[in-house]
Amino acid sequence: MNLLPFLAAAWILLVGLYGLVTSRNLVHAVGCLAVAQSSTYVLLLAVGYRRGATAPVFADLPVGSPVVDPVVQALALTDVVVGAAVTALLLALVIQLQKRHGTVDPQNLTELRG
């Protein structure tokens, strides 16, 4: 088991979270959230990787050949689709905030404070 992909996923997550916490622009914050979410791609690929294994298409494979787990691949693909949808939704909300309040700086959105 190789530890490097897990460390890379943790590093990508930390970089995204750091950018999210220090962001003064909502568009930048959405981008940082997308970066943090992309660490799950690396994590899922690390979990599903098997050295020497092939895609689980059993048409031409001899019996007993190692194959990768197709569930992890499906989860990674679902993760990409959900991530793109969430990013698009958040960017649409940022556009509406810009139209309504004239700023994308979270510190200047005083009308939203409770």
PDB file of N, CA and C in Angstrom:
ATOM      1  N   MET A   1       0.844  -1.178   0.000  1.00  0.00           N
ATOM      2  CA  MET A   1       0.000   0.000   0.000  1.00  0.00           C
ATOM      3  C   MET A   1       0.887   1.238   0.000  1.00  0.00           C
ATOM      4  N   ASN A   2       0.667   2.090  -0.973  1.00  0.00           N
ATOM      5  CA  ASN A   2       1.460   3.294  -1.123  1.00  0.00           C
ATOM      6  C   ASN A   2       0.775   4.437  -0.371  1.00  0.00           C
ATOM      7  N   LEU A   3       1.535   5.166   0.399  1.00  0.00           N
ATOM      8  CA  LEU A   3       0.984   6.240   1.224  1.00  0.00           C
ATOM      9  C   LEU A   3       0.918   7.568   0.487  1.00  0.00           C
ATOM     10  N   LEU A   4       1.660   7.691  -0.598  1.00  0.00           N
ATOM     11  CA  LEU A   4       1.775   8.970  -1.308  1.00  0.00           C
ATOM     12  C   LEU A   4       0.431   9.520  -1.807  1.00  0.00           C
ATOM     13  N   PRO A   5      -0.461   8.735  -2.415  1.00  0.00           N
ATOM     14  CA  PRO A   5      -1.735   9.324  -2.854  1.00  0.00           C
ATOM     15  C   PRO A   5      -2.580   9.852  -1.701  1.00  0.00           C
ATOM     16  N   PHE A   6      -2.515   9.197  -0.566  1.00  0.00           N
ATOM     17  CA  PHE A   6      -3.292   9.659   0.593  1.00  0.00           C
ATOM     18  C   PHE A   6      -2.721  10.976   1.132  1.00  0.00           C
ATOM     19  N   LEU A   7      -1.394  11.086   1.127  1.00  0.00           N
ATOM     20  CA  LEU A   7      -0.773  12.344   1.546  1.00  0.00           C
ATOM     21  C   LEU A   7      -1.080  13.459   0.553  1.00  0.00           C
ATOM     22  N   ALA A   8      -1.087  13.117  -0.725  1.00  0.00           N
ATOM     23  CA  ALA A   8      -1.429  14.122  -1.738  1.00  0.00           C
ATOM     24  C   ALA A   8      -2.870  14.585  -1.583  1.00  0.00           C
ATOM     25  N   ALA A   9      -3.776  13.655  -1.299  1.00  0.00           N
ATOM     26  CA  ALA A   9      -5.183  14.034  -1.086  1.00  0.00           C
ATOM     27  C   ALA A   9      -5.323  14.929   0.134  1.00  0.00           C
ATOM     28  N   ALA A  10      -4.617  14.619   1.202  1.00  0.00           N
ATOM     29  CA  ALA A  10      -4.680  15.457   2.402  1.00  0.00           C
ATOM     30  C   ALA A  10      -4.105  16.841   2.128  1.00  0.00           C
ATOM     31  N   TRP A  11      -3.008  16.904   1.370  1.00  0.00           N
ATOM     32  CA  TRP A  11      -2.401  18.195   1.042  1.00  0.00           C
ATOM     33  C   TRP A  11      -3.347  19.035   0.185  1.00  0.00           C
ATOM     34  N   ILE A  12      -3.972  18.428  -0.804  1.00  0.00           N
ATOM     35  CA  ILE A  12      -4.924  19.168  -1.650  1.00  0.00           C
ATOM     36  C   ILE A  12      -6.094  19.673  -0.815  1.00  0.00           C
ATOM     37  N   LEU A  13      -6.576  18.846   0.098  1.00  0.00           N
ATOM     38  CA  LEU A  13      -7.674  19.262   0.973  1.00  0.00           C
ATOM     39  C   LEU A  13      -7.255  20.444   1.851  1.00  0.00           C
ATOM     40  N   LEU A  14      -6.057  20.382   2.417  1.00  0.00           N
ATOM     41  CA  LEU A  14      -5.596  21.471   3.275  1.00  0.00           C
ATOM     42  C   LEU A  14      -5.389  22.755   2.487  1.00  0.00           C
ATOM     43  N   VAL A  15      -4.862  22.668   1.284  1.00  0.00           N
ATOM     44  CA  VAL A  15      -4.674  23.857   0.450  1.00  0.00           C
ATOM     45  C   VAL A  15      -6.030  24.492   0.127  1.00  0.00           C
ATOM     46  N   GLY A  16      -7.003  23.658  -0.218  1.00  0.00           N
ATOM     47  CA  GLY A  16      -8.339  24.177  -0.515  1.00  0.00           C
ATOM     48  C   GLY A  16      -8.991  24.809   0.697  1.00  0.00           C
ATOM     49  N   LEU A  17      -8.854  24.173   1.856  1.00  0.00           N
ATOM     50  CA  LEU A  17      -9.447  24.730   3.077  1.00  0.00           C
ATOM     51  C   LEU A  17      -8.755  26.023   3.492  1.00  0.00           C
ATOM     52  N   TYR A  18      -7.432  26.095   3.325  1.00  0.00           N
ATOM     53  CA  TYR A  18      -6.715  27.329   3.643  1.00  0.00           C
ATOM     54  C   TYR A  18      -7.201  28.469   2.755  1.00  0.00           C
ATOM     55  N   GLY A  19      -7.336  28.199   1.475  1.00  0.00           N
ATOM     56  CA  GLY A  19      -7.839  29.220   0.561  1.00  0.00           C
ATOM     57  C   GLY A  19      -9.261  29.618   0.888  1.00  0.00           C
ATOM     58  N   LEU A  20     -10.068  28.662   1.303  1.00  0.00           N
ATOM     59  CA  LEU A  20     -11.461  28.952   1.666  1.00  0.00           C
ATOM     60  C   LEU A  20     -11.535  29.836   2.902  1.00  0.00           C
ATOM     61  N   VAL A  21     -10.695  29.564   3.878  1.00  0.00           N
ATOM     62  CA  VAL A  21     -10.725  30.329   5.131  1.00  0.00           C
ATOM     63  C   VAL A  21     -10.187  31.741   4.919  1.00  0.00           C
ATOM     64  N   THR A  22      -9.176  31.899   4.103  1.00  0.00           N
ATOM     65  CA  THR A  22      -8.545  33.205   3.929  1.00  0.00           C
ATOM     66  C   THR A  22      -9.124  34.001   2.770  1.00  0.00           C
ATOM     67  N   SER A  23     -10.148  33.521   2.121  1.00  0.00           N
ATOM     68  CA  SER A  23     -10.669  34.186   0.924  1.00  0.00           C
ATOM     69  C   SER A  23     -11.468  35.431   1.296  1.00  0.00           C
ATOM     70  N   ARG A  24     -11.288  36.482   0.506  1.00  0.00           N
ATOM     71  CA  ARG A  24     -12.060  37.713   0.660  1.00  0.00           C
ATOM     72  C   ARG A  24     -12.961  37.933  -0.538  1.00  0.00           C
ATOM     73  N   ASN A  25     -13.128  36.917  -1.351  1.00  0.00           N
ATOM     74  CA  ASN A  25     -13.947  37.001  -2.557  1.00  0.00           C
ATOM     75  C   ASN A  25     -14.723  35.697  -2.660  1.00  0.00           C
ATOM     76  N   LEU A  26     -16.023  35.805  -2.878  1.00  0.00           N
ATOM     77  CA  LEU A  26     -16.837  34.593  -2.897  1.00  0.00           C
ATOM     78  C   LEU A  26     -16.538  33.699  -4.101  1.00  0.00           C
ATOM     79  N   VAL A  27     -16.154  34.284  -5.228  1.00  0.00           N
ATOM     80  CA  VAL A  27     -15.784  33.469  -6.389  1.00  0.00           C
ATOM     81  C   VAL A  27     -14.517  32.673  -6.068  1.00  0.00           C
ATOM     82  N   HIS A  28     -13.571  33.327  -5.406  1.00  0.00           N
ATOM     83  CA  HIS A  28     -12.348  32.644  -4.983  1.00  0.00           C
ATOM     84  C   HIS A  28     -12.678  31.537  -3.982  1.00  0.00           C
ATOM     85  N   ALA A  29     -13.619  31.806  -3.088  1.00  0.00           N
ATOM     86  CA  ALA A  29     -14.012  30.802  -2.099  1.00  0.00           C
ATOM     87  C   ALA A  29     -14.643  29.585  -2.767  1.00  0.00           C
ATOM     88  N   VAL A  30     -15.449  29.818  -3.787  1.00  0.00           N
ATOM     89  CA  VAL A  30     -16.054  28.694  -4.515  1.00  0.00           C
ATOM     90  C   VAL A  30     -14.965  27.884  -5.219  1.00  0.00           C
ATOM     91  N   GLY A  31     -13.991  28.564  -5.789  1.00  0.00           N
ATOM     92  CA  GLY A  31     -12.871  27.862  -6.423  1.00  0.00           C
ATOM     93  C   GLY A  31     -12.073  27.043  -5.426  1.00  0.00           C
ATOM     94  N   CYS A  32     -11.852  27.607  -4.251  1.00  0.00           N
ATOM     95  CA  CYS A  32     -11.121  26.869  -3.213  1.00  0.00           C
ATOM     96  C   CYS A  32     -11.929  25.676  -2.712  1.00  0.00           C
ATOM     97  N   LEU A  33     -13.230  25.833  -2.644  1.00  0.00           N
ATOM     98  CA  LEU A  33     -14.074  24.703  -2.260  1.00  0.00           C
ATOM     99  C   LEU A  33     -14.004  23.593  -3.306  1.00  0.00           C
ATOM    100  N   ALA A  34     -13.936  23.976  -4.576  1.00  0.00           N
ATOM    101  CA  ALA A  34     -13.795  22.975  -5.637  1.00  0.00           C
ATOM    102  C   ALA A  34     -12.450  22.259  -5.540  1.00  0.00           C
ATOM    103  N   VAL A  35     -11.402  23.003  -5.170  1.00  0.00           N
ATOM    104  CA  VAL A  35     -10.080  22.376  -4.995  1.00  0.00           C
ATOM    105  C   VAL A  35     -10.124  21.398  -3.822  1.00  0.00           C
ATOM    106  N   ALA A  36     -10.735  21.825  -2.717  1.00  0.00           N
ATOM    107  CA  ALA A  36     -10.835  20.933  -1.553  1.00  0.00           C
ATOM    108  C   ALA A  36     -11.640  19.685  -1.897  1.00  0.00           C
ATOM    109  N   GLN A  37     -12.686  19.857  -2.672  1.00  0.00           N
ATOM    110  CA  GLN A  37     -13.509  18.717  -3.057  1.00  0.00           C
ATOM    111  C   GLN A  37     -12.768  17.795  -4.009  1.00  0.00           C
ATOM    112  N   SER A  38     -11.863  18.356  -4.808  1.00  0.00           N
ATOM    113  CA  SER A  38     -11.123  17.517  -5.747  1.00  0.00           C
ATOM    114  C   SER A  38     -10.162  16.566  -5.038  1.00  0.00           C
ATOM    115  N   SER A  39      -9.875  16.819  -3.792  1.00  0.00           N
ATOM    116  CA  SER A  39      -9.025  15.875  -3.055  1.00  0.00           C
ATOM    117  C   SER A  39      -9.718  14.516  -2.910  1.00  0.00           C
ATOM    118  N   THR A  40     -11.037  14.521  -2.970  1.00  0.00           N
ATOM    119  CA  THR A  40     -11.746  13.243  -2.875  1.00  0.00           C
ATOM    120  C   THR A  40     -11.533  12.399  -4.129  1.00  0.00           C
ATOM    121  N   TYR A  41     -11.263  13.050  -5.268  1.00  0.00           N
ATOM    122  CA  TYR A  41     -10.952  12.276  -6.480  1.00  0.00           C
ATOM    123  C   TYR A  41      -9.678  11.463  -6.261  1.00  0.00           C
ATOM    124  N   VAL A  42      -8.669  12.138  -5.730  1.00  0.00           N
ATOM    125  CA  VAL A  42      -7.390  11.471  -5.494  1.00  0.00           C
ATOM    126  C   VAL A  42      -7.565  10.360  -4.458  1.00  0.00           C
ATOM    127  N   LEU A  43      -8.347  10.652  -3.428  1.00  0.00           N
ATOM    128  CA  LEU A  43      -8.577   9.652  -2.390  1.00  0.00           C
ATOM    129  C   LEU A  43      -9.296   8.427  -2.954  1.00  0.00           C
ATOM    130  N   LEU A  44     -10.327   8.648  -3.758  1.00  0.00           N
ATOM    131  CA  LEU A  44     -11.050   7.515  -4.337  1.00  0.00           C
ATOM    132  C   LEU A  44     -10.168   6.728  -5.304  1.00  0.00           C
ATOM    133  N   LEU A  45      -9.368   7.424  -6.081  1.00  0.00           N
ATOM    134  CA  LEU A  45      -8.472   6.718  -7.002  1.00  0.00           C
ATOM    135  C   LEU A  45      -7.425   5.919  -6.236  1.00  0.00           C
ATOM    136  N   ALA A  46      -6.973   6.460  -5.105  1.00  0.00           N
ATOM    137  CA  ALA A  46      -5.993   5.729  -4.294  1.00  0.00           C
ATOM    138  C   ALA A  46      -6.608   4.485  -3.676  1.00  0.00           C
ATOM    139  N   VAL A  47      -7.860   4.588  -3.279  1.00  0.00           N
ATOM    140  CA  VAL A  47      -8.526   3.433  -2.673  1.00  0.00           C
ATOM    141  C   VAL A  47      -8.759   2.340  -3.714  1.00  0.00           C
ATOM    142  N   GLY A  48      -9.142   2.742  -4.927  1.00  0.00           N
ATOM    143  CA  GLY A  48      -9.492   1.765  -5.946  1.00  0.00           C
ATOM    144  C   GLY A  48      -8.345   1.239  -6.769  1.00  0.00           C
ATOM    145  N   TYR A  49      -7.146   1.791  -6.592  1.00  0.00           N
ATOM    146  CA  TYR A  49      -6.010   1.364  -7.415  1.00  0.00           C
ATOM    147  C   TYR A  49      -5.492  -0.001  -6.979  1.00  0.00           C
ATOM    148  N   ARG A  50      -5.242  -0.855  -7.964  1.00  0.00           N
ATOM    149  CA  ARG A  50      -4.587  -2.141  -7.724  1.00  0.00           C
ATOM    150  C   ARG A  50      -3.484  -2.284  -8.744  1.00  0.00           C
ATOM    151  N   ARG A  51      -2.279  -2.532  -8.272  1.00  0.00           N
ATOM    152  CA  ARG A  51      -1.129  -2.644  -9.171  1.00  0.00           C
ATOM    153  C   ARG A  51      -1.302  -3.846 -10.102  1.00  0.00           C
ATOM    154  N   GLY A  52      -1.155  -3.587 -11.401  1.00  0.00           N
ATOM    155  CA  GLY A  52      -1.232  -4.648 -12.398  1.00  0.00           C
ATOM    156  C   GLY A  52      -2.644  -5.043 -12.783  1.00  0.00           C
ATOM    157  N   ALA A  53      -3.638  -4.393 -12.210  1.00  0.00           N
ATOM    158  CA  ALA A  53      -5.018  -4.744 -12.522  1.00  0.00           C
ATOM    159  C   ALA A  53      -5.495  -3.967 -13.751  1.00  0.00           C
ATOM    160  N   THR A  54      -6.531  -4.480 -14.366  1.00  0.00           N
ATOM    161  CA  THR A  54      -7.092  -3.824 -15.547  1.00  0.00           C
ATOM    162  C   THR A  54      -8.529  -3.423 -15.267  1.00  0.00           C
ATOM    163  N   ALA A  55      -9.124  -2.752 -16.246  1.00  0.00           N
ATOM    164  CA  ALA A  55     -10.521  -2.352 -16.123  1.00  0.00           C
ATOM    165  C   ALA A  55     -11.396  -3.605 -16.059  1.00  0.00           C
ATOM    166  N   PRO A  56     -12.516  -3.537 -15.341  1.00  0.00           N
ATOM    167  CA  PRO A  56     -13.345  -4.737 -15.169  1.00  0.00           C
ATOM    168  C   PRO A  56     -14.216  -5.048 -16.379  1.00  0.00           C
ATOM    169  N   VAL A  57     -13.587  -5.214 -17.512  1.00  0.00           N
ATOM    170  CA  VAL A  57     -14.277  -5.665 -18.724  1.00  0.00           C
ATOM    171  C   VAL A  57     -13.829  -7.109 -18.933  1.00  0.00           C
ATOM    172  N   PHE A  58     -14.733  -8.039 -18.706  1.00  0.00           N
ATOM    173  CA  PHE A  58     -14.359  -9.441 -18.636  1.00  0.00           C
ATOM    174  C   PHE A  58     -14.440 -10.158 -19.985  1.00  0.00           C
ATOM    175  N   ALA A  59     -14.611  -9.437 -21.086  1.00  0.00           N
ATOM    176  CA  ALA A  59     -14.766 -10.080 -22.383  1.00  0.00           C
ATOM    177  C   ALA A  59     -13.480 -10.793 -22.821  1.00  0.00           C
ATOM    178  N   ASP A  60     -12.321 -10.148 -22.644  1.00  0.00           N
ATOM    179  CA  ASP A  60     -11.070 -10.706 -23.143  1.00  0.00           C
ATOM    180  C   ASP A  60     -10.101 -11.121 -22.034  1.00  0.00           C
ATOM    181  N   LEU A  61     -10.534 -11.105 -20.791  1.00  0.00           N
ATOM    182  CA  LEU A  61      -9.628 -11.411 -19.686  1.00  0.00           C
ATOM    183  C   LEU A  61      -9.675 -12.894 -19.352  1.00  0.00           C
ATOM    184  N   PRO A  62      -8.522 -13.491 -19.076  1.00  0.00           N
ATOM    185  CA  PRO A  62      -8.526 -14.875 -18.599  1.00  0.00           C
ATOM    186  C   PRO A  62      -9.074 -14.929 -17.168  1.00  0.00           C
ATOM    187  N   VAL A  63      -9.562 -16.074 -16.784  1.00  0.00           N
ATOM    188  CA  VAL A  63     -10.148 -16.241 -15.450  1.00  0.00           C
ATOM    189  C   VAL A  63      -9.056 -16.053 -14.396  1.00  0.00           C
ATOM    190  N   GLY A  64      -9.374 -15.284 -13.355  1.00  0.00           N
ATOM    191  CA  GLY A  64      -8.414 -15.051 -12.279  1.00  0.00           C
ATOM    192  C   GLY A  64      -7.548 -13.825 -12.472  1.00  0.00           C
ATOM    193  N   SER A  65      -7.738 -13.079 -13.548  1.00  0.00           N
ATOM    194  CA  SER A  65      -6.949 -11.879 -13.779  1.00  0.00           C
ATOM    195  C   SER A  65      -7.381 -10.793 -12.791  1.00  0.00           C
ATOM    196  N   PRO A  66      -6.419 -10.015 -12.277  1.00  0.00           N
ATOM    197  CA  PRO A  66      -6.794  -8.947 -11.342  1.00  0.00           C
ATOM    198  C   PRO A  66      -7.471  -7.800 -12.083  1.00  0.00           C
ATOM    199  N   VAL A  67      -8.551  -7.330 -11.487  1.00  0.00           N
ATOM    200  CA  VAL A  67      -9.276  -6.185 -12.043  1.00  0.00           C
ATOM    201  C   VAL A  67      -9.481  -5.166 -10.922  1.00  0.00           C
ATOM    202  N   VAL A  68      -9.687  -3.920 -11.316  1.00  0.00           N
ATOM    203  CA  VAL A  68      -9.942  -2.878 -10.322  1.00  0.00           C
ATOM    204  C   VAL A  68     -11.405  -2.921  -9.919  1.00  0.00           C
ATOM    205  N   ASP A  69     -11.709  -2.301  -8.793  1.00  0.00           N
ATOM    206  CA  ASP A  69     -13.076  -2.282  -8.277  1.00  0.00           C
ATOM    207  C   ASP A  69     -13.902  -1.262  -9.068  1.00  0.00           C
ATOM    208  N   PRO A  70     -14.953  -1.675  -9.750  1.00  0.00           N
ATOM    209  CA  PRO A  70     -15.736  -0.724 -10.536  1.00  0.00           C
ATOM    210  C   PRO A  70     -16.582   0.210  -9.675  1.00  0.00           C
ATOM    211  N   VAL A  71     -16.850  -0.159  -8.443  1.00  0.00           N
ATOM    212  CA  VAL A  71     -17.655   0.704  -7.567  1.00  0.00           C
ATOM    213  C   VAL A  71     -16.895   1.990  -7.252  1.00  0.00           C
ATOM    214  N   VAL A  72     -15.603   1.872  -7.028  1.00  0.00           N
ATOM    215  CA  VAL A  72     -14.808   3.058  -6.728  1.00  0.00           C
ATOM    216  C   VAL A  72     -14.747   3.981  -7.943  1.00  0.00           C
ATOM    217  N   GLN A  73     -14.639   3.395  -9.121  1.00  0.00           N
ATOM    218  CA  GLN A  73     -14.646   4.215 -10.338  1.00  0.00           C
ATOM    219  C   GLN A  73     -15.981   4.919 -10.502  1.00  0.00           C
ATOM    220  N   ALA A  74     -17.070   4.235 -10.215  1.00  0.00           N
ATOM    221  CA  ALA A  74     -18.393   4.863 -10.308  1.00  0.00           C
ATOM    222  C   ALA A  74     -18.541   5.974  -9.277  1.00  0.00           C
ATOM    223  N   LEU A  75     -18.003   5.759  -8.077  1.00  0.00           N
ATOM    224  CA  LEU A  75     -18.063   6.800  -7.052  1.00  0.00           C
ATOM    225  C   LEU A  75     -17.250   8.025  -7.461  1.00  0.00           C
ATOM    226  N   ALA A  76     -16.088   7.811  -8.069  1.00  0.00           N
ATOM    227  CA  ALA A  76     -15.265   8.936  -8.523  1.00  0.00           C
ATOM    228  C   ALA A  76     -15.994   9.717  -9.615  1.00  0.00           C
ATOM    229  N   LEU A  77     -16.623   9.018 -10.529  1.00  0.00           N
ATOM    230  CA  LEU A  77     -17.371   9.702 -11.590  1.00  0.00           C
ATOM    231  C   LEU A  77     -18.557  10.469 -11.007  1.00  0.00           C
ATOM    232  N   THR A  78     -19.255   9.878 -10.064  1.00  0.00           N
ATOM    233  CA  THR A  78     -20.359  10.570  -9.394  1.00  0.00           C
ATOM    234  C   THR A  78     -19.852  11.785  -8.638  1.00  0.00           C
ATOM    235  N   ASP A  79     -18.684  11.651  -8.024  1.00  0.00           N
ATOM    236  CA  ASP A  79     -18.079  12.764  -7.291  1.00  0.00           C
ATOM    237  C   ASP A  79     -17.785  13.928  -8.231  1.00  0.00           C
ATOM    238  N   VAL A  80     -17.287  13.648  -9.406  1.00  0.00           N
ATOM    239  CA  VAL A  80     -16.994  14.700 -10.383  1.00  0.00           C
ATOM    240  C   VAL A  80     -18.278  15.420 -10.793  1.00  0.00           C
ATOM    241  N   VAL A  81     -19.326  14.654 -11.054  1.00  0.00           N
ATOM    242  CA  VAL A  81     -20.591  15.249 -11.500  1.00  0.00           C
ATOM    243  C   VAL A  81     -21.213  16.098 -10.388  1.00  0.00           C
ATOM    244  N   VAL A  82     -21.233  15.562  -9.175  1.00  0.00           N
ATOM    245  CA  VAL A  82     -21.806  16.318  -8.055  1.00  0.00           C
ATOM    246  C   VAL A  82     -20.967  17.569  -7.776  1.00  0.00           C
ATOM    247  N   GLY A  83     -19.667  17.446  -7.855  1.00  0.00           N
ATOM    248  CA  GLY A  83     -18.800  18.603  -7.645  1.00  0.00           C
ATOM    249  C   GLY A  83     -19.045  19.695  -8.666  1.00  0.00           C
ATOM    250  N   ALA A  84     -19.216  19.322  -9.919  1.00  0.00           N
ATOM    251  CA  ALA A  84     -19.498  20.316 -10.955  1.00  0.00           C
ATOM    252  C   ALA A  84     -20.848  20.981 -10.733  1.00  0.00           C
ATOM    253  N   ALA A  85     -21.838  20.193 -10.312  1.00  0.00           N
ATOM    254  CA  ALA A  85     -23.168  20.760 -10.066  1.00  0.00           C
ATOM    255  C   ALA A  85     -23.151  21.715  -8.877  1.00  0.00           C
ATOM    256  N   VAL A  86     -22.468  21.344  -7.809  1.00  0.00           N
ATOM    257  CA  VAL A  86     -22.393  22.205  -6.629  1.00  0.00           C
ATOM    258  C   VAL A  86     -21.636  23.492  -6.954  1.00  0.00           C
ATOM    259  N   THR A  87     -20.561  23.383  -7.709  1.00  0.00           N
ATOM    260  CA  THR A  87     -19.808  24.573  -8.094  1.00  0.00           C
ATOM    261  C   THR A  87     -20.662  25.501  -8.942  1.00  0.00           C
ATOM    262  N   ALA A  88     -21.399  24.947  -9.890  1.00  0.00           N
ATOM    263  CA  ALA A  88     -22.268  25.778 -10.730  1.00  0.00           C
ATOM    264  C   ALA A  88     -23.348  26.456  -9.899  1.00  0.00           C
ATOM    265  N   LEU A  89     -23.932  25.733  -8.962  1.00  0.00           N
ATOM    266  CA  LEU A  89     -24.967  26.315  -8.105  1.00  0.00           C
ATOM    267  C   LEU A  89     -24.399  27.436  -7.232  1.00  0.00           C
ATOM    268  N   LEU A  90     -23.230  27.203  -6.642  1.00  0.00           N
ATOM    269  CA  LEU A  90     -22.631  28.241  -5.801  1.00  0.00           C
ATOM    270  C   LEU A  90     -22.235  29.465  -6.608  1.00  0.00           C
ATOM    271  N   LEU A  91     -21.734  29.273  -7.812  1.00  0.00           N
ATOM    272  CA  LEU A  91     -21.386  30.428  -8.647  1.00  0.00           C
ATOM    273  C   LEU A  91     -22.640  31.189  -9.056  1.00  0.00           C
ATOM    274  N   ALA A  92     -23.744  30.500  -9.279  1.00  0.00           N
ATOM    275  CA  ALA A  92     -25.004  31.187  -9.581  1.00  0.00           C
ATOM    276  C   ALA A  92     -25.464  32.014  -8.385  1.00  0.00           C
ATOM    277  N   LEU A  93     -25.289  31.477  -7.184  1.00  0.00           N
ATOM    278  CA  LEU A  93     -25.639  32.241  -5.981  1.00  0.00           C
ATOM    279  C   LEU A  93     -24.743  33.462  -5.815  1.00  0.00           C
ATOM    280  N   VAL A  94     -23.468  33.325  -6.141  1.00  0.00           N
ATOM    281  CA  VAL A  94     -22.549  34.467  -6.064  1.00  0.00           C
ATOM    282  C   VAL A  94     -22.957  35.544  -7.072  1.00  0.00           C
ATOM    283  N   ILE A  95     -23.378  35.151  -8.242  1.00  0.00           N
ATOM    284  CA  ILE A  95     -23.833  36.128  -9.244  1.00  0.00           C
ATOM    285  C   ILE A  95     -25.071  36.860  -8.731  1.00  0.00           C
ATOM    286  N   GLN A  96     -25.981  36.143  -8.117  1.00  0.00           N
ATOM    287  CA  GLN A  96     -27.173  36.794  -7.573  1.00  0.00           C
ATOM    288  C   GLN A  96     -26.819  37.741  -6.423  1.00  0.00           C
ATOM    289  N   LEU A  97     -25.846  37.357  -5.587  1.00  0.00           N
ATOM    290  CA  LEU A  97     -25.392  38.262  -4.523  1.00  0.00           C
ATOM    291  C   LEU A  97     -24.764  39.523  -5.111  1.00  0.00           C
ATOM    292  N   GLN A  98     -23.987  39.357  -6.170  1.00  0.00           N
ATOM    293  CA  GLN A  98     -23.359  40.512  -6.828  1.00  0.00           C
ATOM    294  C   GLN A  98     -24.426  41.441  -7.397  1.00  0.00           C
ATOM    295  N   LYS A  99     -25.446  40.880  -8.000  1.00  0.00           N
ATOM    296  CA  LYS A  99     -26.508  41.709  -8.572  1.00  0.00           C
ATOM    297  C   LYS A  99     -27.298  42.420  -7.483  1.00  0.00           C
ATOM    298  N   ARG A 100     -27.554  41.739  -6.394  1.00  0.00           N
ATOM    299  CA  ARG A 100     -28.415  42.299  -5.347  1.00  0.00           C
ATOM    300  C   ARG A 100     -27.670  43.260  -4.428  1.00  0.00           C
ATOM    301  N   HIS A 101     -26.415  42.941  -4.084  1.00  0.00           N
ATOM    302  CA  HIS A 101     -25.681  43.740  -3.095  1.00  0.00           C
ATOM    303  C   HIS A 101     -24.499  44.498  -3.681  1.00  0.00           C
ATOM    304  N   GLY A 102     -24.107  44.202  -4.895  1.00  0.00           N
ATOM    305  CA  GLY A 102     -23.022  44.923  -5.539  1.00  0.00           C
ATOM    306  C   GLY A 102     -21.636  44.559  -5.067  1.00  0.00           C
ATOM    307  N   THR A 103     -21.479  43.483  -4.346  1.00  0.00           N
ATOM    308  CA  THR A 103     -20.162  43.065  -3.883  1.00  0.00           C
ATOM    309  C   THR A 103     -20.115  41.544  -3.757  1.00  0.00           C
ATOM    310  N   VAL A 104     -18.902  41.001  -3.847  1.00  0.00           N
ATOM    311  CA  VAL A 104     -18.697  39.574  -3.591  1.00  0.00           C
ATOM    312  C   VAL A 104     -17.770  39.379  -2.403  1.00  0.00           C
ATOM    313  N   ASP A 105     -17.493  40.464  -1.673  1.00  0.00           N
ATOM    314  CA  ASP A 105     -16.682  40.377  -0.461  1.00  0.00           C
ATOM    315  C   ASP A 105     -17.587  40.001   0.711  1.00  0.00           C
ATOM    316  N   PRO A 106     -17.336  38.878   1.366  1.00  0.00           N
ATOM    317  CA  PRO A 106     -18.225  38.463   2.450  1.00  0.00           C
ATOM    318  C   PRO A 106     -18.250  39.460   3.611  1.00  0.00           C
ATOM    319  N   GLN A 107     -17.178  40.218   3.798  1.00  0.00           N
ATOM    320  CA  GLN A 107     -17.138  41.199   4.894  1.00  0.00           C
ATOM    321  C   GLN A 107     -18.068  42.379   4.630  1.00  0.00           C
ATOM    322  N   ASN A 108     -18.341  42.659   3.361  1.00  0.00           N
ATOM    323  CA  ASN A 108     -19.188  43.802   3.016  1.00  0.00           C
ATOM    324  C   ASN A 108     -20.664  43.445   2.888  1.00  0.00           C
ATOM    325  N   LEU A 109     -21.008  42.214   3.079  1.00  0.00           N
ATOM    326  CA  LEU A 109     -22.411  41.811   2.999  1.00  0.00           C
ATOM    327  C   LEU A 109     -23.053  41.990   4.372  1.00  0.00           C
ATOM    328  N   THR A 110     -23.179  43.241   4.777  1.00  0.00           N
ATOM    329  CA  THR A 110     -23.675  43.532   6.129  1.00  0.00           C
ATOM    330  C   THR A 110     -25.159  43.254   6.277  1.00  0.00           C
ATOM    331  N   GLU A 111     -25.912  43.293   5.184  1.00  0.00           N
ATOM    332  CA  GLU A 111     -27.348  43.057   5.279  1.00  0.00           C
ATOM    333  C   GLU A 111     -27.664  41.598   5.599  1.00  0.00           C
ATOM    334  N   LEU A 112     -26.717  40.707   5.380  1.00  0.00           N
ATOM    335  CA  LEU A 112     -26.951  39.295   5.632  1.00  0.00           C
ATOM    336  C   LEU A 112     -26.623  38.901   7.072  1.00  0.00           C
ATOM    337  N   ARG A 113     -26.056  39.825   7.846  1.00  0.00           N
ATOM    338  CA  ARG A 113     -25.704  39.495   9.230  1.00  0.00           C
ATOM    339  C   ARG A 113     -26.952  39.400  10.094  1.00  0.00           C
ATOM    340  N   GLY A 114     -26.899  38.519  11.068  1.00  0.00           N
ATOM    341  CA  GLY A 114     -28.066  38.303  11.917  1.00  0.00           C
ATOM    342  C   GLY A 114     -28.115  39.189  13.123  1.00  0.00           C
TER     343      GLY A 114
END
